[in-house]
Amino acid sequence: GRDRYETAVAIAKATNPDSQRIYLASGEVFADALVAGPAAAKDHAPILLTRRNEAPKVLKDYVEKSKIKQITIIGGQATITDDVVKGFFDK
């Protein structure tokens, strides 16, 4: 991918295209995604990355077109705002 957000989506598509669950972590604070790794692996779910205040278009498109039914948010408001989270559920 052209950036970390696009690369995370590409990996998710290639490794688990039928996943119904994702872990969403900050693409700006690497520690959140790092600590989510074991839980995501146990659930056979990809870790996708977002910006603090706005989800990248590639991420929005992936979630909209996929079979995702559950999103586990990693980190708090300081790393991913409620507006980003609400954007996935306001369809």
Protein backbone atom coordinates (compact mmCIF):
# COMPACT_ATOMS: atom_id res chain seq x y z
CA GLY A 1 0.00 0.00 0.00
CA ARG A 2 0.91 3.64 -0.29
CA ASP A 3 0.71 4.12 3.47
CA ARG A 4 0.14 2.13 6.67
CA TYR A 5 -3.65 2.39 6.39
CA GLU A 6 -3.78 1.00 2.87
CA THR A 7 -1.24 -1.69 3.76
CA ALA A 8 -3.31 -2.87 6.76
CA VAL A 9 -6.40 -3.19 4.56
CA ALA A 10 -4.43 -5.06 1.89
CA ILE A 11 -3.16 -7.52 4.51
CA ALA A 12 -6.70 -8.03 5.85
CA LYS A 13 -8.01 -8.73 2.36
CA ALA A 14 -5.22 -11.17 1.60
CA THR A 15 -5.19 -13.09 4.87
CA ASN A 16 -8.77 -13.16 6.10
CA PRO A 17 -11.22 -11.76 3.57
CA ASP A 18 -14.27 -13.33 5.23
CA SER A 19 -13.59 -12.04 8.73
CA GLN A 20 -16.65 -10.69 10.50
CA ARG A 21 -14.56 -8.94 13.15
CA ILE A 22 -11.76 -6.39 13.10
CA TYR A 23 -9.60 -4.72 15.68
CA LEU A 24 -9.24 -0.99 15.08
CA ALA A 25 -6.15 0.76 16.39
CA SER A 26 -4.47 4.08 15.90
CA GLY A 27 -2.11 4.35 12.98
CA GLU A 28 -0.42 7.19 14.86
CA VAL A 29 0.29 5.40 18.18
CA PHE A 30 1.99 2.11 17.37
CA ALA A 31 1.72 0.65 20.88
CA ASP A 32 -2.06 0.18 20.62
CA ALA A 33 -1.81 -2.07 17.57
CA LEU A 34 1.16 -3.88 19.06
CA VAL A 35 -0.64 -4.94 22.24
CA ALA A 36 -3.77 -5.95 20.28
CA GLY A 37 -1.81 -8.46 18.23
CA PRO A 38 -2.30 -11.53 20.44
CA ALA A 39 -6.06 -10.94 20.88
CA ALA A 40 -6.56 -10.33 17.18
CA ALA A 41 -4.60 -13.48 16.32
CA LYS A 42 -6.66 -15.53 18.78
CA ASP A 43 -9.86 -14.24 17.12
CA HIS A 44 -8.45 -14.68 13.59
CA ALA A 45 -9.25 -11.00 13.01
CA PRO A 46 -7.16 -8.36 11.27
CA ILE A 47 -5.92 -5.20 12.92
CA LEU A 48 -6.83 -2.16 10.87
CA LEU A 49 -5.51 1.33 11.44
CA THR A 50 -7.19 4.71 11.60
CA ARG A 51 -6.30 8.32 12.20
CA ARG A 52 -7.41 9.94 15.45
CA ASN A 53 -10.07 12.25 13.99
CA GLU A 54 -10.93 10.70 10.65
CA ALA A 55 -10.98 7.18 9.27
CA PRO A 56 -9.05 6.89 5.99
CA LYS A 57 -11.21 6.32 2.91
CA VAL A 58 -9.59 2.93 2.26
CA LEU A 59 -10.66 1.78 5.73
CA LYS A 60 -14.21 3.09 5.37
CA ASP A 61 -14.55 1.40 1.97
CA TYR A 62 -13.23 -1.91 3.32
CA VAL A 63 -15.63 -1.99 6.27
CA GLU A 64 -18.58 -0.94 4.12
CA LYS A 65 -17.96 -3.66 1.51
CA SER A 66 -16.99 -6.42 3.94
CA LYS A 67 -18.88 -8.78 6.22
CA ILE A 68 -17.71 -6.95 9.36
CA LYS A 69 -20.21 -7.21 12.19
CA GLN A 70 -17.98 -6.46 15.16
CA ILE A 71 -15.32 -3.80 15.66
CA THR A 72 -13.10 -3.87 18.73
CA ILE A 73 -11.63 -0.43 19.37
CA ILE A 74 -8.15 -0.39 20.86
CA GLY A 75 -7.17 2.69 22.83
CA GLY A 76 -9.24 5.52 24.19
CA GLN A 77 -10.51 8.91 23.08
CA ALA A 78 -6.97 10.22 23.00
CA THR A 79 -6.15 7.93 20.09
CA ILE A 80 -9.51 7.32 18.33
CA THR A 81 -12.37 9.77 18.77
CA ASP A 82 -16.04 8.87 19.10
CA ASP A 83 -16.72 10.54 15.74
CA VAL A 84 -14.49 8.00 13.99
CA VAL A 85 -16.22 5.12 15.74
CA LYS A 86 -19.72 6.46 15.07
CA GLY A 87 -18.87 6.78 11.39
CA PHE A 88 -18.78 3.00 11.07
CA PHE A 89 -22.24 2.55 12.56
CA ASP A 90 -24.07 5.47 10.95
CA LYS A 91 -25.04 3.68 7.74
